[in-house]
Protein backbone atom coordinates (compact mmCIF):
# COMPACT_ATOMS: atom_id res chain seq x y z
CA MET A 1 23.82 6.39 -9.19
CA ALA A 2 25.81 5.04 -6.32
CA VAL A 3 25.20 1.45 -5.17
CA VAL A 4 24.25 2.54 -1.66
CA ASP A 5 21.76 5.13 -3.11
CA VAL A 6 20.16 2.48 -5.30
CA SER A 7 19.83 0.00 -2.44
CA GLU A 8 18.23 2.57 -0.22
CA GLU A 9 15.87 3.64 -2.95
CA LEU A 10 14.83 0.04 -3.80
CA LYS A 11 14.09 -0.47 -0.08
CA SER A 12 12.00 2.61 -0.02
CA LEU A 13 10.07 1.66 -3.15
CA ALA A 14 9.53 -1.86 -1.78
CA SER A 15 8.11 -0.38 1.44
CA THR A 16 5.77 1.83 -0.67
CA MET A 17 4.67 -1.20 -2.67
CA THR A 18 3.88 -3.14 0.50
CA SER A 19 1.76 -0.27 1.78
CA ILE A 20 -0.05 -0.11 -1.52
CA GLU A 21 -0.74 -3.91 -1.42
CA ALA A 22 -2.10 -3.55 2.12
CA VAL A 23 -4.46 -0.75 1.13
CA LEU A 24 -5.66 -2.58 -1.95
CA ASP A 25 -6.08 -5.73 0.09
CA LEU A 26 -5.20 -8.13 -2.74
CA ASP A 27 -6.54 -11.19 -0.89
CA LYS A 28 -9.89 -9.57 -0.70
CA LEU A 29 -9.75 -8.51 -4.29
CA ARG A 30 -8.99 -12.16 -5.36
CA ALA A 31 -11.94 -13.40 -3.26
CA ASP A 32 -14.19 -10.84 -4.90
CA ILE A 33 -12.97 -11.90 -8.31
CA ALA A 34 -13.79 -15.50 -7.55
CA VAL A 35 -17.38 -14.53 -6.63
CA LEU A 36 -17.82 -12.39 -9.73
CA GLU A 37 -16.40 -15.11 -11.93
CA GLU A 38 -19.02 -17.45 -10.57
CA GLN A 39 -21.72 -14.92 -11.25
CA ALA A 40 -20.41 -14.21 -14.75
CA ALA A 41 -20.48 -17.95 -15.57
CA ALA A 42 -24.22 -18.30 -14.68
CA PRO A 43 -26.31 -19.28 -17.72
CA SER A 44 -28.95 -16.64 -16.72
CA LEU A 45 -26.34 -13.74 -16.65
CA TRP A 46 -27.61 -11.88 -19.68
CA ASP A 47 -31.35 -12.18 -18.68
CA ASP A 48 -30.71 -8.80 -17.11
CA PRO A 49 -28.30 -7.00 -19.46
CA GLU A 50 -27.75 -3.98 -17.20
CA ALA A 51 -26.83 -6.19 -14.19
CA ALA A 52 -24.63 -8.36 -16.44
CA GLN A 53 -22.76 -5.35 -17.73
CA LYS A 54 -22.10 -4.27 -14.17
CA ILE A 55 -20.81 -7.68 -13.15
CA THR A 56 -18.53 -8.15 -16.16
CA SER A 57 -17.23 -4.53 -15.89
CA ARG A 58 -16.50 -4.94 -12.19
CA LEU A 59 -14.82 -8.27 -12.77
CA SER A 60 -12.61 -6.82 -15.55
CA HIS A 61 -11.65 -3.95 -13.38
CA LEU A 62 -10.71 -6.02 -10.36
CA GLN A 63 -8.71 -8.44 -12.50
CA ALA A 64 -6.86 -5.53 -14.03
CA GLU A 65 -6.09 -4.06 -10.55
CA VAL A 66 -4.67 -7.38 -9.31
CA ARG A 67 -2.64 -7.94 -12.51
CA LYS A 68 -1.22 -4.41 -12.27
CA ALA A 69 -0.21 -4.87 -8.64
CA GLU A 70 1.37 -8.29 -9.24
CA ALA A 71 3.24 -7.03 -12.35
CA LEU A 72 4.65 -4.06 -10.50
CA ARG A 73 5.81 -6.17 -7.62
CA ASN A 74 7.60 -8.48 -10.14
CA ARG A 75 9.21 -5.44 -11.88
CA LEU A 76 10.40 -4.17 -8.52
CA ASP A 77 11.94 -7.53 -7.58
CA ASP A 78 13.59 -7.85 -11.06
CA LEU A 79 14.99 -4.35 -10.64
CA GLY A 80 17.25 -5.39 -7.76
CA VAL A 81 18.64 -8.29 -9.87
CA LEU A 82 19.22 -5.92 -12.82
CA PHE A 83 21.28 -3.49 -10.73
CA GLU A 84 23.29 -6.42 -9.25
CA MET A 85 24.11 -7.64 -12.78
CA ALA A 86 25.19 -4.14 -13.85
CA GLU A 87 27.51 -3.92 -10.78
CA GLU A 88 28.98 -7.35 -11.11
CA GLU A 89 29.69 -7.03 -14.85
CA ASP A 90 30.55 -3.28 -14.66
CA ASP A 91 28.34 -2.86 -17.78
CA PRO A 92 27.27 0.76 -18.58
CA ASP A 93 24.49 -0.47 -20.88
CA THR A 94 22.96 -2.70 -18.24
CA ARG A 95 23.26 0.09 -15.74
CA ALA A 96 21.61 2.49 -18.04
CA GLU A 97 18.81 0.00 -18.67
CA ALA A 98 18.36 -0.50 -14.89
CA GLU A 99 18.17 3.24 -14.19
CA ALA A 100 15.62 3.77 -17.00
CA GLU A 101 13.55 0.93 -15.45
CA LEU A 102 13.91 2.47 -12.07
CA THR A 103 12.47 5.73 -13.34
CA GLU A 104 9.55 3.86 -14.93
CA VAL A 105 8.82 1.79 -11.83
CA ARG A 106 8.98 4.89 -9.58
CA LYS A 107 6.42 6.56 -11.86
CA ALA A 108 4.15 3.48 -11.88
CA LEU A 109 4.28 3.34 -8.03
CA ASP A 110 3.30 6.93 -7.77
CA GLU A 111 0.33 6.42 -10.06
CA MET A 112 -0.82 3.36 -8.05
CA GLU A 113 -0.30 5.15 -4.76
CA VAL A 114 -2.65 7.91 -5.96
CA ARG A 115 -5.28 5.26 -6.63
CA THR A 116 -5.10 4.12 -2.98
CA LEU A 117 -5.95 7.71 -1.92
CA LEU A 118 -9.44 7.41 -3.57
CA SER A 119 -11.29 6.20 -0.46
CA GLY A 120 -14.22 8.67 -0.43
CA GLU A 121 -17.78 7.43 -0.16
CA TYR A 122 -18.49 7.68 -3.87
CA ASP A 123 -14.98 7.60 -5.27
CA GLU A 124 -15.52 4.15 -6.88
CA ARG A 125 -18.42 5.38 -8.96
CA GLU A 126 -18.54 6.39 -12.63
CA ALA A 127 -18.54 10.14 -13.24
CA LEU A 128 -21.13 12.61 -14.61
CA VAL A 129 -19.35 15.53 -16.15
CA ASN A 130 -21.15 18.79 -16.66
CA ILE A 131 -19.39 21.69 -18.45
CA ARG A 132 -20.98 25.17 -19.00
CA ALA A 133 -19.70 28.32 -20.65
CA GLU A 134 -19.49 31.21 -18.19
CA ALA A 135 -18.21 34.84 -18.65
CA GLY A 136 -16.48 35.61 -21.94
CA GLY A 137 -19.14 35.35 -24.61
CA VAL A 138 -18.22 33.34 -27.73
CA ASP A 139 -14.72 32.63 -26.36
CA ALA A 140 -16.22 31.06 -23.30
CA ALA A 141 -18.39 28.83 -25.43
CA ASP A 142 -15.45 27.80 -27.46
CA PHE A 143 -13.39 27.13 -24.35
CA ALA A 144 -16.24 24.94 -22.94
CA GLU A 145 -16.14 22.83 -26.12
CA GLN A 146 -12.35 22.50 -25.77
CA LEU A 147 -12.76 21.32 -22.19
CA GLN A 148 -15.33 18.73 -23.36
CA ARG A 149 -12.91 17.49 -25.94
CA MET A 150 -10.04 17.42 -23.33
CA TYR A 151 -11.96 15.13 -20.96
CA LEU A 152 -13.20 12.90 -23.77
CA ARG A 153 -9.75 12.52 -25.14
CA TRP A 154 -8.41 11.76 -21.61
CA ALA A 155 -11.04 9.04 -21.28
CA GLU A 156 -10.20 7.68 -24.72
CA ARG A 157 -6.49 7.55 -23.82
CA HIS A 158 -7.33 5.35 -20.86
CA GLY A 159 -9.79 3.11 -22.74
CA TYR A 160 -12.74 4.40 -20.71
CA GLY A 161 -16.19 4.39 -22.25
CA THR A 162 -18.14 7.72 -22.51
CA GLU A 163 -21.68 8.65 -23.37
CA ILE A 164 -22.82 12.19 -24.16
CA TYR A 165 -26.28 12.87 -22.63
CA GLU A 166 -26.74 16.40 -23.90
CA THR A 167 -24.94 19.26 -25.62
CA SER A 168 -26.39 22.73 -26.05
CA TYR A 169 -24.64 24.44 -28.88
CA ALA A 170 -23.89 28.18 -28.96
CA GLU A 171 -24.99 30.23 -31.98
CA GLU A 172 -21.59 31.43 -33.29
CA ALA A 173 -19.18 28.77 -32.05
CA GLY A 174 -18.64 26.30 -29.19
CA ILE A 175 -21.25 25.14 -26.68
CA LYS A 176 -23.39 26.59 -23.94
CA SER A 177 -23.23 23.41 -21.86
CA THR A 178 -22.75 19.61 -22.08
CA THR A 179 -23.32 16.65 -19.86
CA PHE A 180 -21.65 13.24 -20.39
CA VAL A 181 -20.77 10.16 -18.35
CA VAL A 182 -17.31 8.57 -18.02
CA LYS A 183 -17.92 4.80 -17.57
CA ALA A 184 -14.93 3.57 -15.53
CA PRO A 185 -14.51 2.48 -11.93
CA TYR A 186 -13.12 5.34 -9.82
CA ALA A 187 -13.88 7.91 -12.57
CA TYR A 188 -15.69 10.10 -10.06
CA GLY A 189 -12.92 9.91 -7.40
CA THR A 190 -10.33 10.71 -10.07
CA LEU A 191 -12.17 13.53 -11.85
CA SER A 192 -13.77 15.15 -8.85
CA VAL A 193 -10.67 17.30 -8.36
CA GLU A 194 -11.48 18.98 -11.70
CA GLN A 195 -14.54 20.62 -10.23
CA GLY A 196 -14.56 24.43 -10.33
CA THR A 197 -13.87 27.31 -12.65
CA HIS A 198 -11.32 26.99 -15.48
CA ARG A 199 -9.91 30.20 -17.03
CA LEU A 200 -8.56 30.67 -20.53
CA VAL A 201 -6.28 33.57 -21.59
CA ARG A 202 -5.50 33.95 -25.28
CA ILE A 203 -5.66 36.16 -28.36
CA SER A 204 -9.29 35.78 -29.29
CA PRO A 205 -9.83 34.19 -32.79
CA PHE A 206 -13.27 35.84 -32.71
CA ASP A 207 -11.94 39.40 -32.15
CA ASN A 208 -11.30 41.34 -35.39
CA GLN A 209 -8.74 43.50 -33.63
CA GLY A 210 -6.81 40.50 -32.26
CA ARG A 211 -7.13 41.51 -28.66
CA ARG A 212 -6.38 39.30 -25.68
CA GLN A 213 -9.48 37.75 -24.07
CA THR A 214 -10.03 36.11 -20.73
CA SER A 215 -12.89 33.63 -20.65
CA PHE A 216 -14.28 31.13 -18.13
CA ALA A 217 -16.01 27.77 -18.09
CA GLY A 218 -17.36 25.85 -15.12
CA VAL A 219 -16.86 22.14 -14.55
CA GLU A 220 -19.13 20.05 -12.33
CA ILE A 221 -18.33 16.46 -11.47
CA LEU A 222 -20.99 14.18 -9.97
CA PRO A 223 -21.06 10.51 -9.00
CA VAL A 224 -23.42 8.33 -11.01
CA VAL A 225 -26.33 7.31 -8.84
CA GLU A 226 -27.00 3.67 -7.95
CA GLN A 227 -30.08 1.83 -6.77
CA SER A 228 -28.70 1.96 -3.19
CA ASP A 229 -28.83 5.76 -3.14
CA HIS A 230 -31.83 7.35 -1.39
CA VAL A 231 -32.93 10.34 -3.46
CA ASP A 232 -36.69 10.95 -3.00
CA ILE A 233 -38.19 12.82 -5.98
CA ASP A 234 -41.81 13.81 -5.94
CA GLU A 235 -43.16 13.62 -9.52
CA SER A 236 -45.56 16.49 -8.74
CA GLU A 237 -42.49 18.70 -8.21
CA LEU A 238 -41.18 18.14 -11.70
CA ARG A 239 -41.87 20.09 -14.89
CA VAL A 240 -41.13 17.99 -17.93
CA ASP A 241 -40.70 19.73 -21.34
CA VAL A 242 -40.05 17.93 -24.64
CA TYR A 243 -38.45 19.58 -27.64
CA ARG A 244 -36.59 18.79 -30.84
CA ALA A 245 -32.92 18.07 -30.46
CA SER A 246 -30.53 20.44 -32.20
CA GLY A 247 -26.91 20.38 -33.48
CA PRO A 248 -24.30 23.06 -34.10
CA GLY A 249 -25.69 26.43 -35.20
CA GLY A 250 -29.17 25.42 -34.18
CA GLN A 251 -29.45 22.84 -36.93
CA GLY A 252 -32.14 20.22 -36.15
CA VAL A 253 -30.76 16.72 -35.75
CA ASN A 254 -34.02 14.96 -34.95
CA THR A 255 -37.38 15.12 -36.69
CA THR A 256 -39.43 14.39 -33.58
CA ASP A 257 -39.72 16.08 -30.18
CA SER A 258 -37.58 13.48 -28.39
CA ALA A 259 -35.33 15.64 -26.27
CA VAL A 260 -36.36 16.00 -22.73
CA ARG A 261 -35.82 18.89 -20.21
CA ILE A 262 -36.77 18.30 -16.56
CA THR A 263 -37.01 21.13 -14.03
CA HIS A 264 -37.01 20.24 -10.28
CA VAL A 265 -39.25 23.17 -9.13
CA PRO A 266 -38.23 23.28 -5.42
CA THR A 267 -34.49 23.64 -6.22
CA GLY A 268 -34.61 25.11 -9.67
CA ILE A 269 -32.25 22.45 -10.97
CA VAL A 270 -32.69 21.92 -14.70
CA VAL A 271 -31.41 18.91 -16.59
CA SER A 272 -31.79 17.76 -20.16
CA CYS A 273 -30.95 14.86 -22.46
CA GLN A 274 -31.15 14.51 -26.22
CA ASN A 275 -28.80 11.69 -27.16
CA GLU A 276 -31.40 9.02 -27.57
CA ARG A 277 -34.00 8.79 -30.31
CA SER A 278 -36.71 7.74 -27.79
CA GLN A 279 -38.36 10.39 -25.53
CA ILE A 280 -38.72 7.68 -22.84
CA GLN A 281 -34.98 6.85 -22.88
CA ASN A 282 -34.08 10.57 -22.75
CA LYS A 283 -36.37 11.07 -19.77
CA ALA A 284 -34.73 8.12 -18.00
CA SER A 285 -31.28 9.53 -18.62
CA ALA A 286 -32.33 13.02 -17.55
CA MET A 287 -33.76 11.60 -14.33
CA ASN A 288 -30.47 9.87 -13.64
CA VAL A 289 -28.65 13.25 -13.97
CA LEU A 290 -31.27 14.95 -11.76
CA GLN A 291 -30.82 12.29 -9.09
CA ALA A 292 -27.04 12.81 -9.22
CA LYS A 293 -27.43 16.52 -8.85
CA LEU A 294 -29.88 16.21 -5.88
CA LEU A 295 -27.56 13.66 -4.29
CA GLU A 296 -24.64 16.09 -4.50
CA ARG A 297 -26.80 18.90 -3.25
CA GLN A 298 -27.72 16.71 -0.24
CA ARG A 299 -23.98 15.93 0.35
CA GLN A 300 -23.05 19.65 0.13
CA GLU A 301 -25.75 20.59 2.64
CA GLU A 302 -24.49 17.94 5.08
CA ARG A 303 -20.87 19.10 4.52
CA ALA A 304 -21.87 22.74 5.14
CA LYS A 305 -23.42 21.76 8.45
CA MET A 306 -20.21 19.92 9.51
CA ASP A 307 -18.08 22.83 8.35
CA ALA A 308 -20.26 25.24 10.46
CA LEU A 309 -19.76 22.98 13.47
CA LYS A 310 -16.02 22.95 12.84
CA GLY A 311 -15.86 26.70 12.21
CA ASP A 312 -14.72 26.20 8.65
CA GLY A 313 -16.69 29.15 7.34
CA GLY A 314 -17.80 27.03 4.38
CA SER A 315 -14.88 28.01 2.23
CA SER A 316 -14.71 26.16 -1.01
CA TRP A 317 -11.55 25.26 -3.05
CA GLY A 318 -13.63 24.63 -6.15
CA ASN A 319 -13.64 28.17 -7.68
CA GLN A 320 -10.86 29.51 -9.99
CA MET A 321 -8.98 26.18 -9.92
CA ARG A 322 -6.93 26.27 -13.19
CA SER A 323 -5.61 28.81 -15.70
CA TYR A 324 -4.82 28.00 -19.29
CA VAL A 325 -2.61 30.80 -20.70
CA LEU A 326 -1.90 30.78 -24.46
CA HIS A 327 -0.75 34.45 -24.62
CA PRO A 328 1.59 36.22 -23.82
CA TYR A 329 3.28 32.97 -22.68
CA GLN A 330 2.29 29.30 -22.78
CA MET A 331 1.35 27.55 -19.46
CA VAL A 332 -1.46 25.66 -17.72
CA LYS A 333 -1.29 26.04 -13.99
CA ASP A 334 -3.40 24.64 -11.17
CA LEU A 335 -4.01 27.38 -8.69
CA ARG A 336 -4.40 24.98 -5.67
CA THR A 337 -1.54 22.59 -6.15
CA GLU A 338 0.90 24.87 -8.09
CA PHE A 339 1.32 22.05 -10.57
CA GLU A 340 2.02 23.44 -14.05
CA VAL A 341 2.78 22.44 -17.59
CA GLY A 342 4.37 24.53 -20.32
CA ASN A 343 2.49 22.83 -23.17
CA PRO A 344 -1.19 23.92 -23.13
CA GLN A 345 -1.95 21.99 -26.33
CA SER A 346 -0.94 18.63 -24.82
CA VAL A 347 -3.21 19.32 -21.86
CA LEU A 348 -6.15 20.30 -24.08
CA ASP A 349 -5.42 17.06 -26.01
CA GLY A 350 -6.20 15.06 -22.85
CA GLU A 351 -2.85 14.82 -21.11
CA ILE A 352 -4.14 15.77 -17.65
CA ASP A 353 -2.94 12.84 -15.50
CA GLY A 354 -0.36 15.08 -13.78
CA PHE A 355 -2.99 17.56 -12.77
CA LEU A 356 -5.32 14.76 -11.54
CA GLU A 357 -2.61 13.10 -9.42
CA ALA A 358 -1.46 16.48 -7.93
CA GLY A 359 -5.12 17.32 -7.19
CA ILE A 360 -5.87 14.04 -5.44
CA ARG A 361 -2.73 14.36 -3.26
CA TRP A 362 -3.60 17.98 -2.49
CA ARG A 363 -7.13 16.98 -1.49
CA LYS A 364 -5.92 14.32 0.76
CA GLN A 365 -3.62 16.83 2.50
CA GLN A 366 -6.63 19.15 3.00
CA GLU A 367 -8.54 16.41 4.80
CA LYS A 368 -5.89 15.94 7.46
């Protein structure tokens, strides 16, 4: 790479870094960290475990944000020195090291820039993920389970906590539906671009004649509700059913009727939870999911009104958003962004950051 080219690229990257620092507002983050550190040091912190968890989690996240930005700025500054050394010494090894570091820094800047695009009302929230098998019979149920594993593996790769609220298993294989939470700041903003219909094309392992099968699964991403959210739920409009939790193949996994299903009669929304041993805990978790769904419904109604005023026609980008093709060729392609990967197994193993980043950038373009 020519010296002039390197100099111009480093200037461009430095400009991008400055923009990122401005959006992140590092001074404000440091001030917020100071306040949270004071709260975390209070002797009475763990008198309210839930509040304490939020404080320590928020503190850890902000500290990580600042450290990441500071480290990237230092790497960018050091990169200029490294290229100067390579030029002065005319050393191919140092030049190769500098170019490799330039590639890594460029990638890290792209990732951090994507984070600054998450500025929606609920983007900072944790995410509730709901996956359901759609058309395709047993293949769709199997695909829904693969998607559940994909998102859980993605969260695991990033060190994010998860909690499965409910999984309804299909009779032959796979799952009918599942609901779980991803416990990380900005999980909702990041994963919200995954909402829509996912399509799988493959030779069905459940077809005796080895025919190609197309199956579908729906993904819904919701922000976790907080105390500040106003979602009025009239208890008289709820139907609460309790039942015995079950595992794969209908096998009972609980000896008591602790699983809870709540139906919101006016909207027909049904939610359930079976991950806790206590019926009371399961009802509380199910109510959280119901509140999240009602909050999203409220947001969609408001958005539809705005779209009608703007003459948008209410078109949605959420349907048919990604194809996973395993036969006759191997490819996963996002139908909105055109981003594609030729290794479906790596995607199903949780390597979806490229799709997430492309989706976030695409969404930002649509908002302009």
